[in-house]
Protein backbone atom coordinates (compact mmCIF):
# COMPACT_ATOMS: atom_id res chain seq x y z
CA MET A 1 150.14 200.79 45.66
CA LYS A 2 152.72 198.07 45.04
CA ARG A 3 154.69 199.21 48.08
CA LEU A 4 151.59 199.17 50.28
CA LEU A 5 150.69 195.74 49.13
CA TRP A 6 154.20 194.70 50.19
CA LEU A 7 153.81 196.37 53.78
CA LEU A 8 150.40 194.79 54.24
CA PRO A 9 152.13 191.31 55.18
CA LEU A 10 154.63 192.70 57.22
CA ILE A 11 152.24 194.56 59.26
CA LEU A 12 150.20 191.36 59.64
CA LEU A 13 153.04 189.43 60.64
CA LEU A 14 153.97 192.00 63.43
CA GLY A 15 150.47 192.13 64.74
CA LEU A 16 150.23 188.16 64.97
CA GLY A 17 153.48 188.29 66.92
CA TYR A 18 152.37 191.08 69.20
CA TRP A 19 149.20 189.28 69.94
CA GLY A 20 151.10 186.02 70.42
CA PHE A 21 153.78 187.22 72.65
CA HIS A 22 150.97 188.97 75.08
CA ARG A 23 149.11 185.50 74.65
CA LEU A 24 151.94 183.39 75.71
CA PHE A 25 153.81 185.58 78.62
CA GLU A 26 152.25 187.07 81.36
CA TRP A 27 153.94 190.30 83.27
CA SER A 28 155.00 189.48 86.80
CA GLU A 29 157.11 191.19 89.64
CA GLU A 30 159.48 189.19 91.97
CA ASN A 31 161.36 190.47 95.04
CA ARG A 32 164.88 189.05 95.39
CA ASP A 33 167.17 189.73 98.29
CA LEU A 34 170.43 190.88 96.79
CA GLY A 35 172.26 190.99 100.19
CA LEU A 36 173.99 193.78 101.72
CA ALA A 37 175.60 196.63 99.53
CA GLU A 38 179.34 196.99 99.49
CA PRO A 39 179.39 199.97 102.12
CA ALA A 40 177.30 197.73 104.48
CA LEU A 41 179.81 194.85 103.79
CA ARG A 42 182.65 197.15 104.78
CA ASN A 43 180.90 198.64 108.00
CA PRO A 44 178.54 196.24 110.03
CA TYR A 45 177.22 199.20 111.81
CA LEU A 46 176.33 201.29 109.12
CA ALA A 47 172.49 200.96 109.72
CA ALA A 48 173.13 201.91 113.24
CA GLN A 49 175.32 204.80 112.20
CA ARG A 50 172.35 206.19 109.96
CA LEU A 51 169.81 205.44 112.51
CA LEU A 52 171.65 207.64 115.19
CA GLU A 53 172.26 210.32 112.68
CA LYS A 54 168.67 210.48 111.81
CA ASP A 55 167.98 210.79 115.28
CA GLY A 56 170.09 213.76 115.84
CA SER A 57 173.09 212.14 117.13
CA PRO A 58 176.49 212.95 115.24
CA VAL A 59 178.38 209.74 114.58
CA SER A 60 182.07 209.13 113.83
CA VAL A 61 183.67 205.89 112.98
CA GLU A 62 187.29 205.02 113.67
CA LEU A 63 189.33 201.94 112.80
CA SER A 64 191.86 202.01 115.52
CA LEU A 65 191.97 201.59 119.20
CA LYS A 66 194.71 204.16 119.33
CA ARG A 67 191.66 206.59 119.70
CA LEU A 68 191.69 205.49 123.14
CA ASP A 69 194.69 207.40 123.93
CA ALA A 70 192.81 210.49 123.15
CA LEU A 71 189.27 210.05 124.42
CA PRO A 72 186.27 212.21 123.48
CA GLY A 73 184.56 214.46 125.87
CA PRO A 74 182.45 212.77 128.71
CA GLU A 75 179.25 213.77 126.86
CA THR A 76 180.26 211.17 124.10
CA LEU A 77 178.77 207.59 123.88
CA LEU A 78 181.75 205.44 123.12
CA PHE A 79 180.96 202.04 121.42
CA VAL A 80 183.86 199.65 121.43
CA PRO A 81 182.67 196.24 120.03
CA GLN A 82 186.19 194.62 120.56
CA LEU A 83 187.60 196.07 123.69
CA PRO A 84 190.73 193.86 124.91
CA ALA A 85 190.23 192.10 128.01
CA TYR A 86 193.61 193.59 129.15
CA LEU A 87 194.57 197.13 128.57
CA GLU A 88 197.74 198.87 129.01
CA PRO A 89 198.00 200.53 132.56
CA ALA A 90 198.14 204.29 131.29
CA ARG A 91 195.23 203.37 128.91
CA ALA A 92 192.99 201.71 131.47
CA GLU A 93 193.53 204.43 134.08
CA ALA A 94 192.47 206.97 131.41
CA LEU A 95 189.44 205.04 130.23
CA ARG A 96 188.55 204.77 134.11
CA ALA A 97 188.90 208.42 134.82
CA TRP A 98 186.93 209.23 131.77
CA LEU A 99 184.01 206.92 132.87
CA GLU A 100 183.96 208.52 136.22
CA ALA A 101 183.88 212.02 134.81
CA GLY A 102 180.65 210.99 132.96
CA GLY A 103 181.62 209.17 129.91
CA HIS A 104 179.43 206.10 128.69
CA LEU A 105 181.15 203.21 127.44
CA LEU A 106 179.22 200.57 125.58
CA THR A 107 181.16 197.27 124.89
CA VAL A 108 181.13 193.56 124.51
CA TYR A 109 182.83 191.15 126.85
CA ARG A 110 183.70 187.90 124.95
CA ARG A 111 186.18 186.46 127.29
CA ASP A 112 185.26 183.77 129.74
CA SER A 113 186.34 184.45 133.34
CA ARG A 114 188.78 182.05 134.66
CA GLU A 115 189.10 181.08 138.22
CA ASP A 116 192.93 180.32 138.11
CA GLU A 117 193.66 184.05 137.46
CA ALA A 118 191.81 185.52 141.01
CA ASP A 119 195.12 186.43 142.24
CA ALA A 120 196.63 187.79 138.72
CA GLU A 121 195.91 191.20 137.40
CA ARG A 122 191.99 191.46 136.80
CA PRO A 123 190.67 192.13 133.27
CA PHE A 124 189.65 195.90 132.88
CA LEU A 125 185.67 194.89 132.93
CA GLU A 126 186.09 192.58 135.69
CA GLN A 127 187.31 195.26 137.97
CA TYR A 128 183.66 196.38 138.04
CA GLY A 129 182.50 193.10 139.41
CA LEU A 130 181.51 191.72 135.81
CA ARG A 131 182.15 187.86 134.86
CA ARG A 132 181.35 185.94 131.83
CA HIS A 133 180.44 182.24 131.82
CA SER A 134 179.79 179.71 129.13
CA GLU A 135 178.81 176.01 129.38
CA GLU A 136 181.45 173.65 127.73
CA ALA A 137 179.94 170.63 125.82
CA ASP A 138 180.56 167.43 127.26
CA GLU A 139 182.74 165.08 125.03
CA ASP A 140 181.40 161.89 126.28
CA ASP A 141 177.72 163.07 125.75
CA GLU A 142 176.88 161.57 122.28
CA SER A 143 173.46 163.52 122.05
CA THR A 144 175.11 166.94 122.28
CA ALA A 145 175.38 167.33 118.47
CA GLU A 146 171.61 165.92 118.10
CA ASP A 147 170.26 168.53 120.80
CA GLU A 148 172.06 171.44 119.27
CA ALA A 149 170.79 170.67 115.87
CA LYS A 150 167.23 170.21 117.35
CA ALA A 151 167.58 173.36 119.20
CA VAL A 152 168.54 175.34 115.99
CA GLU A 153 165.48 173.79 114.14
CA GLN A 154 163.15 174.84 116.86
CA LEU A 155 164.57 178.48 116.79
CA GLY A 156 164.21 178.48 113.11
CA GLU A 157 160.39 177.44 113.43
CA LEU A 158 159.84 180.14 116.07
CA GLY A 159 161.52 182.87 113.87
CA ARG A 160 159.08 181.95 111.10
CA ALA A 161 156.19 182.10 113.55
CA LEU A 162 157.13 185.85 114.25
CA GLY A 163 157.53 186.55 110.69
CA LEU A 164 161.29 186.31 110.23
CA LYS A 165 160.76 183.85 107.50
CA PRO A 166 164.16 182.16 107.18
CA GLU A 167 164.57 179.35 104.58
CA GLY A 168 163.48 175.89 105.61
CA LYS A 169 160.04 174.28 106.88
CA THR A 170 156.97 176.25 106.41
CA THR A 171 155.07 178.16 109.34
CA PRO A 172 152.57 176.00 111.30
CA ASP A 173 149.04 176.90 110.09
CA SER A 174 147.31 176.20 113.43
CA PRO A 175 146.98 179.46 115.57
CA GLU A 176 147.54 177.38 118.83
CA GLU A 177 150.93 176.24 117.47
CA ARG A 178 152.15 179.74 116.28
CA ARG A 179 151.12 180.96 119.84
CA LYS A 180 153.26 178.25 121.54
CA LEU A 181 156.18 178.88 119.41
CA ALA A 182 155.95 182.70 119.90
CA GLU A 183 155.94 182.27 123.69
CA THR A 184 158.77 179.84 123.51
CA TRP A 185 160.74 182.37 121.33
CA LEU A 186 160.02 185.26 123.72
CA LYS A 187 161.50 183.36 126.46
CA THR A 188 164.79 183.50 124.83
CA LEU A 189 164.52 187.32 124.43
CA THR A 190 166.21 189.79 126.90
CA GLU A 191 163.75 192.21 128.64
CA LEU A 192 164.82 195.56 129.86
CA ARG A 193 163.25 198.82 130.66
CA PHE A 194 164.59 202.47 130.37
CA GLU A 195 163.67 205.02 133.00
CA GLY A 196 160.55 206.81 132.04
CA HIS A 197 159.03 204.20 129.85
CA GLU A 198 156.19 201.90 130.83
CA GLN A 199 156.88 199.11 128.41
CA SER A 200 159.75 196.95 128.24
CA LEU A 201 162.08 196.46 125.51
CA ARG A 202 162.80 193.05 123.92
CA LEU A 203 166.27 192.23 122.66
CA ASN A 204 167.48 189.17 120.48
CA VAL A 205 171.00 188.94 122.19
CA ALA A 206 172.96 185.88 121.42
CA PRO A 207 170.18 183.32 120.88
CA TYR A 208 172.60 180.62 119.92
CA THR A 209 175.31 181.27 122.33
CA GLU A 210 175.33 179.06 125.58
CA ALA A 211 176.89 181.88 127.69
CA TRP A 212 175.79 184.53 130.35
CA LEU A 213 177.01 187.45 132.22
CA GLU A 214 177.15 187.42 135.97
CA ASP A 215 177.34 190.39 138.44
CA GLY A 216 179.89 188.83 140.86
CA ASP A 217 179.97 191.99 143.32
CA GLU A 218 176.21 192.86 142.84
CA ALA A 219 177.27 196.30 141.92
CA ALA A 220 175.09 196.44 138.56
CA ALA A 221 172.58 199.42 138.54
CA ALA A 222 170.40 197.38 136.00
CA SER A 223 170.56 194.39 134.11
CA GLY A 224 168.89 192.87 131.00
CA ASP A 225 167.55 189.09 131.47
CA THR A 226 166.07 186.29 129.68
CA GLU A 227 164.16 183.61 131.80
CA THR A 228 167.20 181.66 132.20
CA ARG A 229 170.33 184.08 131.96
CA THR A 230 171.81 187.60 132.11
CA THR A 231 172.78 189.05 128.72
CA LEU A 232 173.30 192.83 129.65
CA LEU A 233 174.62 194.59 132.74
CA HIS A 234 174.84 198.35 133.34
CA TYR A 235 177.20 200.02 135.84
CA THR A 236 177.22 203.40 137.05
CA PRO A 237 180.81 204.22 138.04
CA GLY A 238 181.28 207.83 139.48
CA GLU A 239 179.23 210.22 137.10
CA GLY A 240 179.36 207.74 134.20
CA SER A 241 177.98 204.70 132.93
CA LEU A 242 179.21 201.47 131.45
CA THR A 243 177.04 199.14 129.61
CA VAL A 244 178.34 195.48 128.94
CA LEU A 245 176.74 193.43 126.20
CA LEU A 246 177.05 189.51 126.05
CA ASP A 247 177.02 189.90 122.13
CA ASP A 248 176.48 192.84 119.77
CA ALA A 249 175.24 190.90 116.54
CA PHE A 250 171.68 192.52 117.31
CA LEU A 251 173.15 196.05 116.64
CA LYS A 252 174.69 195.12 113.24
CA ASN A 253 173.00 195.50 109.81
CA GLU A 254 171.19 192.31 109.54
CA GLN A 255 169.33 192.56 112.83
CA LEU A 256 169.00 196.05 113.81
CA ALA A 257 165.35 196.37 112.41
CA GLN A 258 164.10 193.32 114.43
CA PHE A 259 162.34 193.64 117.63
CA ASP A 260 163.23 196.58 119.66
CA HIS A 261 166.98 196.87 118.84
CA ALA A 262 166.63 200.25 117.11
CA LEU A 263 164.81 201.66 120.14
CA PHE A 264 167.37 200.40 122.27
CA LEU A 265 170.25 202.23 120.49
CA THR A 266 168.50 205.56 120.04
CA GLU A 267 167.30 205.54 123.72
CA LEU A 268 171.06 204.50 125.00
CA ALA A 269 172.36 207.44 122.61
CA ASP A 270 169.70 209.86 123.68
CA GLY A 271 170.79 212.58 121.04
CA ARG A 272 174.36 212.54 122.36
CA PRO A 273 177.53 212.31 119.95
CA VAL A 274 178.49 208.79 119.17
CA LEU A 275 182.13 207.40 118.52
CA ILE A 276 182.51 203.99 117.27
CA LEU A 277 185.80 202.05 117.51
CA ASN A 278 185.29 199.27 115.04
CA ALA A 279 188.74 197.52 115.46
CA GLY A 280 190.84 195.38 117.43
CA ASP A 281 194.21 196.25 119.00
CA TYR A 282 196.32 194.57 116.47
CA PRO A 283 200.04 195.47 116.23
CA SER A 284 201.39 197.06 112.96
CA LEU A 285 203.21 194.69 110.42
CA PRO A 286 206.76 196.01 111.43
CA GLU A 287 205.90 195.49 115.06
CA LEU A 288 204.45 192.05 114.60
CA LEU A 289 207.87 191.11 112.51
CA ALA A 290 209.94 192.42 115.21
CA SER A 291 208.36 190.49 117.88
CA ARG A 292 208.04 187.21 115.95
CA TYR A 293 210.85 187.02 113.41
CA PRO A 294 213.87 189.21 114.79
CA GLU A 295 216.53 186.79 113.20
CA ALA A 296 214.78 187.04 109.82
CA LEU A 297 214.80 190.81 109.92
CA ALA A 298 218.54 190.83 110.94
CA ALA A 299 219.29 188.64 107.92
CA ALA A 300 217.39 190.75 105.46
CA ALA A 301 219.08 193.90 106.68
CA LEU A 302 222.61 192.34 106.33
CA LEU A 303 221.78 191.13 102.88
CA LEU A 304 220.55 194.50 101.79
CA THR A 305 223.66 195.86 103.28
CA PHE A 306 225.99 193.53 101.00
CA TRP A 307 223.62 194.18 98.02
CA LEU A 308 223.90 197.78 98.08
CA TRP A 309 227.76 197.55 98.82
CA ARG A 310 227.90 195.51 95.67
CA ILE A 311 226.18 197.66 93.30
CA THR A 312 227.57 200.97 94.26
CA GLY A 313 230.74 202.14 92.62
CA ARG A 314 234.08 203.57 93.99
CA PHE A 315 234.09 206.41 96.75
CA GLY A 316 234.44 209.78 95.31
CA PRO A 317 234.22 210.96 91.84
CA LEU A 318 236.05 209.67 88.77
CA ARG A 319 239.27 211.44 87.71
CA PRO A 320 238.52 213.03 84.42
CA ASP A 321 240.41 212.63 81.31
CA VAL A 322 242.54 215.44 80.15
CA PRO A 323 241.08 216.51 76.77
CA PRO A 324 243.65 217.07 74.16
CA ALA A 325 244.42 220.33 72.65
CA ARG A 326 243.32 219.51 69.22
CA ARG A 327 241.35 216.38 68.07
CA SER A 328 242.45 214.68 65.01
CA LEU A 329 240.18 213.05 62.30
CA ALA A 330 241.72 209.51 63.55
CA GLU A 331 240.40 210.61 66.98
CA HIS A 332 236.79 210.88 65.92
CA LEU A 333 237.12 207.87 63.79
CA ALA A 334 238.46 205.86 66.86
CA ALA A 335 235.54 207.22 68.90
CA ALA A 336 232.91 206.22 66.29
CA GLY A 337 234.41 202.76 66.23
CA ARG A 338 234.31 202.46 70.06
CA PHE A 339 230.76 203.69 69.97
CA HIS A 340 229.73 201.19 67.48
CA TRP A 341 231.49 198.13 69.11
CA ARG A 342 229.96 199.07 72.53
CA SER A 343 226.51 199.28 70.83
CA ASP A 344 227.19 195.81 69.46
CA ARG A 345 226.97 197.03 65.83
CA GLY A 346 230.43 195.32 64.59
CA ALA A 347 228.47 192.70 62.84
CA ALA A 348 226.37 195.19 60.84
CA LEU A 349 229.42 197.12 59.81
CA LEU A 350 231.22 193.79 58.88
CA GLU A 351 228.43 192.89 56.78
CA GLY A 352 228.06 196.40 55.07
CA LEU A 353 231.77 195.95 53.93
CA ARG A 354 231.05 192.54 52.45
CA ALA A 355 227.87 193.39 50.69
CA GLU A 356 229.89 196.38 49.09
CA LEU A 357 232.80 194.14 47.84
CA HIS A 358 230.05 191.58 46.55
CA LYS A 359 228.27 194.34 44.54
CA THR A 360 231.82 195.54 43.00
CA LEU A 361 232.85 191.67 42.02
CA THR A 362 229.19 191.28 40.59
CA ARG A 363 229.45 194.39 38.45
CA ARG A 364 233.14 193.46 37.23
CA HIS A 365 232.47 189.65 36.80
CA GLY A 366 228.81 188.97 35.84
CA ALA A 367 229.36 185.11 36.70
CA TRP A 368 230.45 185.83 40.24
CA PRO A 369 226.76 185.49 41.81
CA ASP A 370 226.48 181.92 40.17
CA TRP A 371 229.79 180.75 41.77
CA SER A 372 230.12 178.39 44.68
CA GLU A 373 231.97 179.51 47.69
CA ASP A 374 234.98 177.16 46.69
CA GLU A 375 234.97 178.66 43.36
CA ARG A 376 234.96 182.08 44.52
CA LEU A 377 237.76 181.50 47.05
CA ALA A 378 240.12 179.81 44.37
CA TRP A 379 239.32 182.60 41.93
CA LEU A 380 240.32 185.27 44.42
CA ALA A 381 243.20 183.43 45.65
CA ALA A 382 244.67 183.12 42.01
CA GLN A 383 243.74 186.98 41.53
CA THR A 384 245.19 188.50 44.80
CA GLY A 385 247.56 185.77 46.01
CA MET A 386 245.99 185.88 49.32
CA PRO A 387 245.80 182.80 51.48
CA ASP A 388 242.57 180.67 51.58
CA TYR A 389 241.92 181.22 55.41
CA ALA A 390 242.30 184.87 55.18
CA LEU A 391 239.93 185.07 52.22
CA ARG A 392 237.19 182.89 54.04
CA ALA A 393 237.68 184.81 57.34
CA ALA A 394 237.03 188.17 55.49
CA LEU A 395 234.07 186.89 53.24
CA PHE A 396 232.11 184.02 54.39
CA ASP A 397 232.90 183.31 58.20
CA PRO A 398 230.41 184.45 61.03
CA PRO A 399 231.38 187.93 62.14
CA PRO A 400 233.72 187.66 64.97
CA ARG A 401 233.10 188.73 68.54
CA GLU A 402 236.57 189.66 69.34
CA GLU A 403 238.26 193.19 68.74
CA LEU A 404 241.39 191.56 66.97
CA ALA A 405 239.48 189.04 64.79
CA TRP A 406 237.20 191.79 63.70
CA SER A 407 239.89 193.88 62.76
CA GLU A 408 241.72 191.24 60.84
CA ALA A 409 238.42 190.54 58.82
CA ALA A 410 237.86 194.39 58.07
CA ARG A 411 241.66 194.71 57.10
CA GLY A 412 241.08 191.59 54.85
CA LEU A 413 238.14 193.09 53.05
CA GLN A 414 239.89 196.34 52.70
CA THR A 415 242.98 194.49 51.11
CA LEU A 416 240.67 192.69 48.61
CA LYS A 417 239.05 195.91 47.57
CA SER A 418 242.58 197.42 46.73
CA LEU A 419 243.80 194.56 44.82
CA LEU A 420 240.83 194.14 42.56
């Protein structure tokens, strides 16, 4: 009963705490955007890869443009986001033959065409009649920065009206304003239609880039256009296909689920194998150093040669010592002494001899530990007749580092021990 009476207040206190907690706190759920996972940060086309694999297209990703030296079969869709403007002649010829044999290349053209290179070697993509242009900002126009900021703000409002919900101002409440914003936004989208589809696809290709593609030779079989510019061109060289984009951000992880981006990618692949070459044509570190700093590499090689020559010994094996027919005790003692001396144990040996002599003198003369150094030296000089400097070197000076001085100190200790 006493234990039960003690438990009642505790149970009452726990019940009050439980009631107060649920009275003061309310359960709620909150969704937080934690950003992309680590695999998606390493591979910007991870969402596209998984989408294509789910649609039945086997996908492989490689990180070197050397794969262009061994192209896959013509039934493969080859996606090269960073195709160099100029290719090596052998690589360019192999890629051109692969396209004409039925291959499909999807790439992005990021280099503006230059008029002063009309008579020089044409970039690989421009050989099909493609050109890229972009508007250059006027340095004397003071309103350029304000116009760009205003355009970005308007595009942000359009995105919020379509449900993209970026951070910033709230979406207009008026349905009429929402409709106007949506219509303005749709004007910036690229519209194209695949054969066999009644409805057009809408893609958000480079909305913030003041650039466009141009079919200079009018050889394109199809194009993707907004109301003001062309952002996609499609060519059919031979039996193959060449699709050139103004930008590929709409195919990356962050934007693939928006508009008709995913449908565009699956229709383009059409169940075929897909190879993604997500890499630039960058030289290796040795090649880069050899091209930029040949003098530094030559100096480093010369320094390494001298260092190796410095640390190496003589050429050929050492001549072995002729072992004696019989080793005496003196030879063993000499070898032990050399070993201790090389191991820097000479000081320890000398201190051991001194400690043994002090123990002997303490046993014979009980007042020895109480004497000062000068008193000890005077008494020993009177007893043995040895000079003061020899006694001091043997008993009290720091252990010498030279072999001769160490031998003299050890011999002095042995002489003292024999005389006492």
